[in-house]
Amino acid sequence: MEEARIEKIKHQLQSQGYKLTPQREATVRVLLENEEDHLSAEDVFMLVKDKAPEIGLATVYRTLELLSELHVLEKMNFGDGVARYDLRNDRSRHHHHHMICVQCGSVNEIMEDWLAPLEAKLEEEFGFKVLDHRLDFQGICKTCEEKNRQKVPPIPYSSSTL
């Protein structure tokens, strides 16, 4: 499956006049191997260095930007000031959505496209054809919510307890 996706990305690059250089391929392989992790450019660089020590950080940045421009990757920011990269899913028309925990920073994906009825309504009522959308929910994940409930509340200070 990985080889088929690399071949598809190779064709996407070629259709825009680019080649899948060894450096780009190493970057794509790292992204495929860590697809669920929403890696930053620095994360990608550290993993690429293990495979191809000769590749520099600037090359990884340029590759990520190119793949983002060609819509192979989605460049995201989850509010922490760090750009993260996510491979576009071949199986869906739109980019998937995310649930981001504001306490622990965990990111979970929502693969279903719940906005299709809204897109149809936008086109019907406003003549607006949606090409893509992205939705990020920010809140508190189940694990953090359970930890919050388990915390013992402080004993209120009272002069009668002295």
N, C-alpha and C. Protein backbone atom coordinates (compact mmCIF):
# COMPACT_ATOMS: atom_id res chain seq x y z
N MET A 1 0.83 -1.21 0.00
CA MET A 1 0.00 0.00 0.00
C MET A 1 0.87 1.26 0.00
N GLU A 2 1.95 1.24 0.80
CA GLU A 2 2.82 2.41 0.88
C GLU A 2 3.43 2.73 -0.48
N GLU A 3 3.85 1.69 -1.20
CA GLU A 3 4.46 1.91 -2.52
C GLU A 3 3.46 2.53 -3.50
N ALA A 4 2.21 2.10 -3.41
CA ALA A 4 1.18 2.66 -4.29
C ALA A 4 0.97 4.15 -3.99
N ARG A 5 0.99 4.50 -2.72
CA ARG A 5 0.81 5.92 -2.35
C ARG A 5 2.02 6.75 -2.80
N ILE A 6 3.22 6.18 -2.68
CA ILE A 6 4.41 6.90 -3.14
C ILE A 6 4.33 7.10 -4.65
N GLU A 7 3.89 6.09 -5.36
CA GLU A 7 3.74 6.20 -6.81
C GLU A 7 2.73 7.29 -7.17
N LYS A 8 1.64 7.36 -6.43
CA LYS A 8 0.62 8.39 -6.67
C LYS A 8 1.19 9.78 -6.44
N ILE A 9 1.94 9.94 -5.36
CA ILE A 9 2.56 11.23 -5.05
C ILE A 9 3.58 11.59 -6.12
N LYS A 10 4.31 10.60 -6.60
CA LYS A 10 5.28 10.80 -7.69
C LYS A 10 4.57 11.36 -8.92
N HIS A 11 3.41 10.80 -9.25
CA HIS A 11 2.63 11.28 -10.41
C HIS A 11 2.10 12.69 -10.17
N GLN A 12 1.68 12.98 -8.92
CA GLN A 12 1.21 14.33 -8.61
C GLN A 12 2.33 15.34 -8.82
N LEU A 13 3.53 15.00 -8.37
CA LEU A 13 4.67 15.89 -8.57
C LEU A 13 4.97 16.06 -10.05
N GLN A 14 5.02 14.95 -10.78
CA GLN A 14 5.35 15.00 -12.22
C GLN A 14 4.32 15.82 -13.00
N SER A 15 3.05 15.72 -12.62
CA SER A 15 2.02 16.46 -13.33
C SER A 15 2.19 17.97 -13.17
N GLN A 16 2.95 18.38 -12.14
CA GLN A 16 3.20 19.81 -11.92
C GLN A 16 4.63 20.20 -12.29
N GLY A 17 5.36 19.27 -12.93
CA GLY A 17 6.70 19.56 -13.40
C GLY A 17 7.81 19.32 -12.39
N TYR A 18 7.53 18.56 -11.33
CA TYR A 18 8.53 18.26 -10.30
C TYR A 18 8.89 16.78 -10.35
N LYS A 19 10.03 16.46 -9.76
CA LYS A 19 10.47 15.07 -9.66
C LYS A 19 10.41 14.61 -8.21
N LEU A 20 10.25 13.32 -8.04
CA LEU A 20 10.33 12.73 -6.69
C LEU A 20 11.80 12.40 -6.45
N THR A 21 12.53 13.41 -5.97
CA THR A 21 13.96 13.22 -5.71
C THR A 21 14.13 12.28 -4.51
N PRO A 22 15.32 11.73 -4.32
CA PRO A 22 15.54 10.87 -3.15
C PRO A 22 15.23 11.59 -1.82
N GLN A 23 15.53 12.89 -1.74
CA GLN A 23 15.23 13.65 -0.53
C GLN A 23 13.73 13.76 -0.31
N ARG A 24 13.00 14.04 -1.37
CA ARG A 24 11.54 14.14 -1.27
C ARG A 24 10.94 12.78 -0.92
N GLU A 25 11.47 11.73 -1.53
CA GLU A 25 10.95 10.40 -1.25
C GLU A 25 11.19 10.01 0.22
N ALA A 26 12.36 10.33 0.75
CA ALA A 26 12.65 10.04 2.16
C ALA A 26 11.67 10.78 3.06
N THR A 27 11.36 12.03 2.72
CA THR A 27 10.41 12.82 3.50
C THR A 27 9.02 12.21 3.43
N VAL A 28 8.59 11.82 2.22
CA VAL A 28 7.27 11.21 2.04
C VAL A 28 7.18 9.89 2.82
N ARG A 29 8.24 9.09 2.78
CA ARG A 29 8.22 7.82 3.51
C ARG A 29 8.07 8.04 5.02
N VAL A 30 8.75 9.04 5.55
CA VAL A 30 8.62 9.35 6.98
C VAL A 30 7.17 9.76 7.29
N LEU A 31 6.58 10.57 6.43
CA LEU A 31 5.19 10.99 6.65
C LEU A 31 4.23 9.80 6.59
N LEU A 32 4.47 8.89 5.65
CA LEU A 32 3.62 7.71 5.54
C LEU A 32 3.77 6.80 6.76
N GLU A 33 4.99 6.63 7.22
CA GLU A 33 5.25 5.75 8.37
C GLU A 33 4.70 6.32 9.68
N ASN A 34 4.50 7.64 9.72
CA ASN A 34 4.04 8.31 10.94
C ASN A 34 2.76 9.08 10.68
N GLU A 35 1.93 8.51 9.85
CA GLU A 35 0.74 9.20 9.34
C GLU A 35 -0.21 9.70 10.43
N GLU A 36 -0.27 9.03 11.54
CA GLU A 36 -1.23 9.40 12.58
C GLU A 36 -0.69 10.42 13.56
N ASP A 37 0.56 10.85 13.38
CA ASP A 37 1.23 11.64 14.41
C ASP A 37 1.22 13.15 14.23
N HIS A 38 0.77 13.70 13.11
CA HIS A 38 0.73 15.14 12.90
C HIS A 38 2.08 15.77 13.23
N LEU A 39 3.09 15.39 12.47
CA LEU A 39 4.46 15.80 12.73
C LEU A 39 4.74 17.25 12.36
N SER A 40 5.61 17.89 13.13
CA SER A 40 6.11 19.22 12.78
C SER A 40 7.26 19.04 11.79
N ALA A 41 7.71 20.14 11.19
CA ALA A 41 8.85 20.06 10.27
C ALA A 41 10.08 19.52 10.98
N GLU A 42 10.28 19.94 12.22
CA GLU A 42 11.43 19.47 12.99
C GLU A 42 11.32 17.97 13.27
N ASP A 43 10.11 17.51 13.59
CA ASP A 43 9.88 16.08 13.81
C ASP A 43 10.23 15.29 12.54
N VAL A 44 9.74 15.79 11.41
CA VAL A 44 10.00 15.11 10.13
C VAL A 44 11.51 15.09 9.88
N PHE A 45 12.17 16.22 10.10
CA PHE A 45 13.61 16.31 9.87
C PHE A 45 14.37 15.28 10.70
N MET A 46 14.04 15.17 11.99
CA MET A 46 14.74 14.23 12.87
C MET A 46 14.57 12.79 12.38
N LEU A 47 13.38 12.46 11.90
CA LEU A 47 13.11 11.11 11.41
C LEU A 47 13.77 10.87 10.05
N VAL A 48 13.80 11.90 9.21
CA VAL A 48 14.43 11.77 7.89
C VAL A 48 15.94 11.61 8.06
N LYS A 49 16.52 12.30 9.04
CA LYS A 49 17.97 12.21 9.27
C LYS A 49 18.40 10.77 9.57
N ASP A 50 17.52 10.00 10.22
CA ASP A 50 17.83 8.60 10.49
C ASP A 50 17.95 7.79 9.20
N LYS A 51 17.13 8.15 8.21
CA LYS A 51 17.12 7.42 6.94
C LYS A 51 18.16 7.95 5.96
N ALA A 52 18.33 9.27 5.97
CA ALA A 52 19.23 9.92 5.00
C ALA A 52 19.96 11.06 5.69
N PRO A 53 21.08 10.77 6.36
CA PRO A 53 21.79 11.78 7.16
C PRO A 53 22.26 13.00 6.37
N GLU A 54 22.34 12.89 5.06
CA GLU A 54 22.84 14.00 4.25
C GLU A 54 21.80 15.09 4.03
N ILE A 55 20.55 14.84 4.35
CA ILE A 55 19.47 15.80 4.11
C ILE A 55 19.48 16.87 5.19
N GLY A 56 19.40 18.12 4.74
CA GLY A 56 19.38 19.25 5.67
C GLY A 56 17.97 19.69 6.02
N LEU A 57 17.87 20.47 7.08
CA LEU A 57 16.57 20.97 7.55
C LEU A 57 15.90 21.83 6.48
N ALA A 58 16.67 22.65 5.78
CA ALA A 58 16.08 23.51 4.73
C ALA A 58 15.44 22.68 3.63
N THR A 59 16.07 21.56 3.28
CA THR A 59 15.51 20.67 2.24
C THR A 59 14.18 20.08 2.71
N VAL A 60 14.13 19.68 3.96
CA VAL A 60 12.87 19.14 4.51
C VAL A 60 11.79 20.21 4.50
N TYR A 61 12.12 21.43 4.93
CA TYR A 61 11.15 22.53 4.91
C TYR A 61 10.64 22.78 3.50
N ARG A 62 11.56 22.86 2.52
CA ARG A 62 11.15 23.11 1.13
C ARG A 62 10.25 21.99 0.61
N THR A 63 10.60 20.75 0.95
CA THR A 63 9.79 19.61 0.51
C THR A 63 8.40 19.67 1.12
N LEU A 64 8.30 19.96 2.41
CA LEU A 64 7.00 20.05 3.06
C LEU A 64 6.15 21.17 2.46
N GLU A 65 6.78 22.30 2.18
CA GLU A 65 6.04 23.42 1.59
C GLU A 65 5.55 23.06 0.18
N LEU A 66 6.41 22.42 -0.61
CA LEU A 66 6.02 22.01 -1.96
C LEU A 66 4.85 21.03 -1.91
N LEU A 67 4.97 20.01 -1.05
CA LEU A 67 3.90 19.01 -0.95
C LEU A 67 2.61 19.64 -0.44
N SER A 68 2.72 20.66 0.38
CA SER A 68 1.54 21.38 0.86
C SER A 68 0.90 22.18 -0.28
N GLU A 69 1.73 22.87 -1.06
CA GLU A 69 1.23 23.63 -2.21
C GLU A 69 0.54 22.74 -3.23
N LEU A 70 1.03 21.51 -3.38
CA LEU A 70 0.46 20.57 -4.35
C LEU A 70 -0.71 19.77 -3.76
N HIS A 71 -1.09 20.10 -2.54
CA HIS A 71 -2.21 19.45 -1.84
C HIS A 71 -1.98 17.97 -1.59
N VAL A 72 -0.72 17.58 -1.47
CA VAL A 72 -0.39 16.23 -1.04
C VAL A 72 -0.48 16.18 0.48
N LEU A 73 -0.08 17.29 1.10
CA LEU A 73 -0.13 17.44 2.56
C LEU A 73 -1.09 18.55 2.92
N GLU A 74 -1.57 18.49 4.13
CA GLU A 74 -2.32 19.60 4.70
C GLU A 74 -1.44 20.20 5.79
N LYS A 75 -1.19 21.49 5.70
CA LYS A 75 -0.43 22.20 6.73
C LYS A 75 -1.42 22.72 7.76
N MET A 76 -1.19 22.37 9.03
CA MET A 76 -2.15 22.71 10.07
C MET A 76 -1.47 23.40 11.24
N ASN A 77 -2.26 24.17 11.98
CA ASN A 77 -1.79 24.74 13.22
C ASN A 77 -2.88 24.50 14.25
N PHE A 78 -2.53 23.79 15.31
CA PHE A 78 -3.51 23.45 16.34
C PHE A 78 -3.51 24.44 17.50
N GLY A 79 -3.02 25.66 17.25
CA GLY A 79 -3.06 26.68 18.28
C GLY A 79 -1.83 26.72 19.17
N ASP A 80 -0.85 25.88 18.89
CA ASP A 80 0.36 25.87 19.71
C ASP A 80 1.51 26.59 19.01
N GLY A 81 1.24 27.24 17.88
CA GLY A 81 2.25 27.99 17.16
C GLY A 81 3.18 27.14 16.31
N VAL A 82 2.93 25.84 16.23
CA VAL A 82 3.79 24.93 15.47
C VAL A 82 3.01 24.42 14.26
N ALA A 83 3.58 24.60 13.07
CA ALA A 83 2.95 24.04 11.87
C ALA A 83 3.16 22.54 11.89
N ARG A 84 2.08 21.81 11.62
CA ARG A 84 2.14 20.36 11.57
C ARG A 84 1.63 19.92 10.20
N TYR A 85 2.03 18.73 9.82
CA TYR A 85 1.72 18.25 8.47
C TYR A 85 0.98 16.93 8.53
N ASP A 86 -0.01 16.81 7.67
CA ASP A 86 -0.86 15.64 7.63
C ASP A 86 -1.08 15.26 6.17
N LEU A 87 -0.84 14.02 5.83
CA LEU A 87 -1.08 13.56 4.47
C LEU A 87 -2.56 13.60 4.15
N ARG A 88 -2.88 14.03 2.95
CA ARG A 88 -4.28 14.02 2.52
C ARG A 88 -4.71 12.57 2.32
N ASN A 89 -5.92 12.28 2.66
CA ASN A 89 -6.46 10.93 2.56
C ASN A 89 -7.05 10.73 1.17
N ASP A 90 -6.62 9.68 0.50
CA ASP A 90 -7.13 9.38 -0.85
C ASP A 90 -8.61 8.99 -0.84
N ARG A 91 -9.07 8.49 0.28
CA ARG A 91 -10.41 7.90 0.32
C ARG A 91 -11.52 8.93 0.51
N SER A 92 -11.20 10.15 0.91
CA SER A 92 -12.26 11.11 1.14
C SER A 92 -12.07 12.35 0.27
N ARG A 93 -13.17 13.02 0.01
CA ARG A 93 -13.16 14.20 -0.84
C ARG A 93 -12.51 15.38 -0.11
N HIS A 94 -12.67 15.42 1.20
CA HIS A 94 -12.16 16.53 1.99
C HIS A 94 -11.14 16.05 3.00
N HIS A 95 -10.44 17.01 3.54
CA HIS A 95 -9.50 16.72 4.61
C HIS A 95 -10.29 16.30 5.85
N HIS A 96 -9.73 15.41 6.64
CA HIS A 96 -10.45 14.98 7.84
C HIS A 96 -10.37 16.06 8.93
N HIS A 97 -11.16 15.88 9.95
CA HIS A 97 -11.28 16.87 11.03
C HIS A 97 -10.56 16.37 12.27
N HIS A 98 -10.40 17.27 13.24
CA HIS A 98 -9.63 16.94 14.43
C HIS A 98 -10.32 17.39 15.71
N MET A 99 -10.08 16.62 16.77
CA MET A 99 -10.46 17.00 18.13
C MET A 99 -9.15 17.24 18.86
N ILE A 100 -8.97 18.46 19.37
CA ILE A 100 -7.70 18.87 19.98
C ILE A 100 -7.96 19.15 21.46
N CYS A 101 -7.25 18.43 22.33
CA CYS A 101 -7.40 18.63 23.77
C CYS A 101 -6.56 19.84 24.18
N VAL A 102 -7.20 20.82 24.82
CA VAL A 102 -6.49 22.03 25.24
C VAL A 102 -5.67 21.80 26.51
N GLN A 103 -5.86 20.65 27.17
CA GLN A 103 -5.09 20.36 28.37
C GLN A 103 -3.83 19.57 28.07
N CYS A 104 -3.96 18.44 27.38
CA CYS A 104 -2.78 17.58 27.15
C CYS A 104 -2.21 17.73 25.74
N GLY A 105 -2.95 18.39 24.84
CA GLY A 105 -2.46 18.59 23.48
C GLY A 105 -2.70 17.42 22.54
N SER A 106 -3.40 16.39 22.99
CA SER A 106 -3.65 15.25 22.11
C SER A 106 -4.52 15.68 20.93
N VAL A 107 -4.29 15.02 19.80
CA VAL A 107 -5.05 15.30 18.59
C VAL A 107 -5.63 13.99 18.10
N ASN A 108 -6.95 13.94 17.97
CA ASN A 108 -7.62 12.76 17.45
C ASN A 108 -8.35 13.14 16.18
N GLU A 109 -8.36 12.21 15.24
CA GLU A 109 -8.96 12.47 13.94
C GLU A 109 -10.41 11.99 13.88
N ILE A 110 -11.18 12.73 13.11
CA ILE A 110 -12.56 12.34 12.78
C ILE A 110 -12.55 12.11 11.28
N MET A 111 -12.72 10.87 10.87
CA MET A 111 -12.62 10.54 9.45
C MET A 111 -13.95 10.74 8.70
N GLU A 112 -15.07 10.70 9.41
CA GLU A 112 -16.36 10.87 8.75
C GLU A 112 -16.53 12.33 8.34
N ASP A 113 -17.23 12.55 7.24
CA ASP A 113 -17.49 13.91 6.78
C ASP A 113 -18.92 14.29 7.14
N TRP A 114 -19.07 14.90 8.30
CA TRP A 114 -20.40 15.27 8.79
C TRP A 114 -20.92 16.57 8.18
N LEU A 115 -20.10 17.23 7.39
CA LEU A 115 -20.49 18.53 6.85
C LEU A 115 -21.08 18.47 5.44
N ALA A 116 -21.20 17.29 4.87
CA ALA A 116 -21.74 17.16 3.51
C ALA A 116 -23.13 17.79 3.37
N PRO A 117 -24.05 17.58 4.34
CA PRO A 117 -25.36 18.23 4.22
C PRO A 117 -25.26 19.76 4.24
N LEU A 118 -24.35 20.30 5.03
CA LEU A 118 -24.16 21.74 5.07
C LEU A 118 -23.61 22.26 3.74
N GLU A 119 -22.69 21.51 3.14
CA GLU A 119 -22.16 21.90 1.84
C GLU A 119 -23.28 21.96 0.79
N ALA A 120 -24.15 20.96 0.81
CA ALA A 120 -25.26 20.93 -0.14
C ALA A 120 -26.17 22.13 0.07
N LYS A 121 -26.42 22.49 1.32
CA LYS A 121 -27.27 23.63 1.65
C LYS A 121 -26.63 24.94 1.19
N LEU A 122 -25.31 25.07 1.37
CA LEU A 122 -24.60 26.28 0.92
C LEU A 122 -24.70 26.43 -0.60
N GLU A 123 -24.58 25.31 -1.30
CA GLU A 123 -24.68 25.39 -2.76
C GLU A 123 -26.10 25.71 -3.20
N GLU A 124 -27.06 25.07 -2.55
CA GLU A 124 -28.47 25.28 -2.91
C GLU A 124 -28.93 26.70 -2.61
N GLU A 125 -28.63 27.19 -1.43
CA GLU A 125 -29.15 28.50 -1.01
C GLU A 125 -28.33 29.68 -1.50
N PHE A 126 -27.01 29.49 -1.64
CA PHE A 126 -26.15 30.62 -1.97
C PHE A 126 -25.39 30.45 -3.28
N GLY A 127 -25.53 29.29 -3.92
CA GLY A 127 -24.78 29.03 -5.14
C GLY A 127 -23.29 28.92 -4.90
N PHE A 128 -22.93 28.58 -3.67
CA PHE A 128 -21.52 28.49 -3.28
C PHE A 128 -21.08 27.04 -3.31
N LYS A 129 -20.15 26.73 -4.22
CA LYS A 129 -19.64 25.36 -4.37
C LYS A 129 -18.43 25.19 -3.47
N VAL A 130 -18.56 24.37 -2.43
CA VAL A 130 -17.47 24.12 -1.49
C VAL A 130 -16.49 23.15 -2.13
N LEU A 131 -15.23 23.54 -2.17
CA LEU A 131 -14.19 22.67 -2.71
C LEU A 131 -13.52 21.86 -1.60
N ASP A 132 -13.41 22.46 -0.44
CA ASP A 132 -12.80 21.77 0.69
C ASP A 132 -13.19 22.49 1.97
N HIS A 133 -13.00 21.82 3.07
CA HIS A 133 -13.23 22.43 4.38
C HIS A 133 -12.39 21.70 5.40
N ARG A 134 -12.18 22.35 6.52
CA ARG A 134 -11.47 21.72 7.63
C ARG A 134 -12.10 22.21 8.91
N LEU A 135 -12.29 21.30 9.84
CA LEU A 135 -12.94 21.64 11.09
C LEU A 135 -12.12 21.07 12.23
N ASP A 136 -11.77 21.92 13.18
CA ASP A 136 -11.03 21.50 14.36
C ASP A 136 -11.86 21.83 15.59
N PHE A 137 -12.12 20.82 16.41
CA PHE A 137 -12.82 21.01 17.66
C PHE A 137 -11.79 21.12 18.77
N GLN A 138 -11.89 22.15 19.59
CA GLN A 138 -10.98 22.29 20.72
C GLN A 138 -11.78 22.09 21.99
N GLY A 139 -11.25 21.26 22.88
CA GLY A 139 -11.96 20.95 24.12
C GLY A 139 -11.08 20.12 25.04
N ILE A 140 -11.72 19.31 25.84
CA ILE A 140 -11.01 18.47 26.80
C ILE A 140 -11.30 17.01 26.47
N CYS A 141 -10.23 16.23 26.27
CA CYS A 141 -10.40 14.83 25.90
C CYS A 141 -10.93 14.02 27.08
N LYS A 142 -11.38 12.83 26.78
CA LYS A 142 -11.96 11.94 27.79
C LYS A 142 -10.97 11.64 28.93
N THR A 143 -9.72 11.39 28.59
CA THR A 143 -8.70 11.08 29.60
C THR A 143 -8.50 12.25 30.56
N CYS A 144 -8.36 13.45 30.02
CA CYS A 144 -8.18 14.63 30.88
C CYS A 144 -9.43 14.91 31.70
N GLU A 145 -10.59 14.71 31.08
CA GLU A 145 -11.86 14.94 31.81
C GLU A 145 -11.95 13.99 33.00
N GLU A 146 -11.56 12.74 32.81
CA GLU A 146 -11.57 11.77 33.92
C GLU A 146 -10.57 12.16 35.00
N LYS A 147 -9.38 12.62 34.59
CA LYS A 147 -8.39 13.07 35.57
C LYS A 147 -8.90 14.26 36.35
N ASN A 148 -9.59 15.17 35.67
CA ASN A 148 -10.14 16.36 36.34
C ASN A 148 -11.18 15.97 37.38
N ARG A 149 -11.99 14.96 37.07
CA ARG A 149 -13.04 14.52 38.02
C ARG A 149 -12.44 13.83 39.23
N GLN A 150 -11.27 13.19 39.05
CA GLN A 150 -10.65 12.45 40.14
C GLN A 150 -9.89 13.32 41.12
N LYS A 151 -9.62 14.56 40.73
CA LYS A 151 -8.89 15.46 41.63
C LYS A 151 -9.75 15.75 42.86
N VAL A 152 -9.13 15.69 44.00
CA VAL A 152 -9.83 15.97 45.26
C VAL A 152 -9.90 17.48 45.43
N PRO A 153 -11.09 18.01 45.66
CA PRO A 153 -11.20 19.46 45.84
C PRO A 153 -10.53 19.88 47.15
N PRO A 154 -9.92 21.07 47.19
CA PRO A 154 -9.27 21.52 48.42
C PRO A 154 -10.28 21.75 49.54
N ILE A 155 -9.85 21.53 50.77
CA ILE A 155 -10.70 21.77 51.92
C ILE A 155 -10.80 23.28 52.12
N PRO A 156 -12.03 23.80 52.19
CA PRO A 156 -12.16 25.25 52.35
C PRO A 156 -11.61 25.70 53.71
N TYR A 157 -10.96 26.83 53.72
CA TYR A 157 -10.38 27.40 54.94
C TYR A 157 -11.51 28.00 55.79
N SER A 158 -11.48 27.69 57.02
CA SER A 158 -12.47 28.24 57.95
C SER A 158 -11.78 28.50 59.27
N SER A 159 -12.11 29.59 59.92
CA SER A 159 -11.48 29.93 61.21
C SER A 159 -11.86 28.93 62.28
N SER A 160 -12.98 28.23 62.11
CA SER A 160 -13.42 27.27 63.13
C SER A 160 -12.61 25.98 63.07
N THR A 161 -11.84 25.75 61.98
CA THR A 161 -11.06 24.53 61.88
C THR A 161 -9.71 24.67 62.56
N LEU A 162 -9.38 25.86 63.07
CA LEU A 162 -8.09 26.07 63.73
C LEU A 162 -8.11 25.68 65.15
